[in-house]
Amino acid sequence: MGTIILIILILALVGVLPTWPHSRNWGYGPSGVAGLIVVILILLLLTGRL
């Protein structure tokens, strides 16, 4: 379960990178939030709480 969530969030992280023309003016906010969620999930997976 945790691995599936981690894979989905990594794909979401790639999806929110500001490389597409419609998202260039978003900045790094969305990818920063997605990156923070991925880091938290990795920590939870390593500690065995997820």
C-alpha atoms as a PDB file:
ATOM      1  CA  MET A   1       0.000   0.000   0.000  1.00  0.00           C
ATOM      2  CA  GLY A   2       2.727   2.447   0.943  1.00  0.00           C
ATOM      3  CA  THR A   3       4.749   1.658  -2.169  1.00  0.00           C
ATOM      4  CA  ILE A   4       1.772   2.374  -4.411  1.00  0.00           C
ATOM      5  CA  ILE A   5       1.200   5.724  -2.713  1.00  0.00           C
ATOM      6  CA  LEU A   6       4.887   6.573  -3.070  1.00  0.00           C
ATOM      7  CA  ILE A   7       4.864   5.762  -6.798  1.00  0.00           C
ATOM      8  CA  ILE A   8       1.739   7.872  -7.352  1.00  0.00           C
ATOM      9  CA  LEU A   9       3.279  10.805  -5.495  1.00  0.00           C
ATOM     10  CA  ILE A  10       6.536  10.563  -7.444  1.00  0.00           C
ATOM     11  CA  LEU A  11       4.521  10.668 -10.673  1.00  0.00           C
ATOM     12  CA  ALA A  12       2.610  13.664  -9.306  1.00  0.00           C
ATOM     13  CA  LEU A  13       5.929  15.347  -8.481  1.00  0.00           C
ATOM     14  CA  VAL A  14       7.059  14.933 -12.082  1.00  0.00           C
ATOM     15  CA  GLY A  15       3.668  16.199 -13.271  1.00  0.00           C
ATOM     16  CA  VAL A  16       3.810  19.453 -11.320  1.00  0.00           C
ATOM     17  CA  LEU A  17       7.258  20.508 -12.489  1.00  0.00           C
ATOM     18  CA  PRO A  18       6.956  23.879 -14.246  1.00  0.00           C
ATOM     19  CA  THR A  19       8.084  22.641 -17.658  1.00  0.00           C
ATOM     20  CA  TRP A  20       4.739  22.757 -19.438  1.00  0.00           C
ATOM     21  CA  PRO A  21       3.699  26.045 -21.097  1.00  0.00           C
ATOM     22  CA  HIS A  22       0.522  26.402 -19.031  1.00  0.00           C
ATOM     23  CA  SER A  23       2.369  25.978 -15.718  1.00  0.00           C
ATOM     24  CA  ARG A  24       5.463  28.107 -16.236  1.00  0.00           C
ATOM     25  CA  ASN A  25       4.113  30.998 -14.150  1.00  0.00           C
ATOM     26  CA  TRP A  26       3.177  28.706 -11.223  1.00  0.00           C
ATOM     27  CA  GLY A  27       6.769  28.681  -9.991  1.00  0.00           C
ATOM     28  CA  TYR A  28       8.094  25.877  -7.819  1.00  0.00           C
ATOM     29  CA  GLY A  29       5.277  25.943  -5.259  1.00  0.00           C
ATOM     30  CA  PRO A  30       3.369  22.861  -6.453  1.00  0.00           C
ATOM     31  CA  SER A  31       6.500  20.764  -6.902  1.00  0.00           C
ATOM     32  CA  GLY A  32       7.798  21.892  -3.520  1.00  0.00           C
ATOM     33  CA  VAL A  33       4.623  20.738  -1.800  1.00  0.00           C
ATOM     34  CA  ALA A  34       4.638  17.426  -3.669  1.00  0.00           C
ATOM     35  CA  GLY A  35       8.330  16.958  -2.817  1.00  0.00           C
ATOM     36  CA  LEU A  36       7.630  17.597   0.850  1.00  0.00           C
ATOM     37  CA  ILE A  37       4.851  14.993   0.822  1.00  0.00           C
ATOM     38  CA  VAL A  38       7.183  12.473  -0.834  1.00  0.00           C
ATOM     39  CA  VAL A  39       9.872  13.096   1.786  1.00  0.00           C
ATOM     40  CA  ILE A  40       7.357  12.651   4.612  1.00  0.00           C
ATOM     41  CA  LEU A  41       6.106   9.409   3.077  1.00  0.00           C
ATOM     42  CA  ILE A  42       9.639   8.091   2.670  1.00  0.00           C
ATOM     43  CA  LEU A  43      10.321   8.821   6.336  1.00  0.00           C
ATOM     44  CA  LEU A  44       7.074   7.078   7.339  1.00  0.00           C
ATOM     45  CA  LEU A  45       7.964   4.055   5.202  1.00  0.00           C
ATOM     46  CA  LEU A  46      11.446   3.844   6.708  1.00  0.00           C
ATOM     47  CA  THR A  47      10.125   4.021  10.259  1.00  0.00           C
ATOM     48  CA  GLY A  48       7.424   1.437   9.539  1.00  0.00           C
ATOM     49  CA  ARG A  49       4.462   3.638  10.379  1.00  0.00           C
ATOM     50  CA  LEU A  50       2.827   3.376   6.970  1.00  0.00           C
END
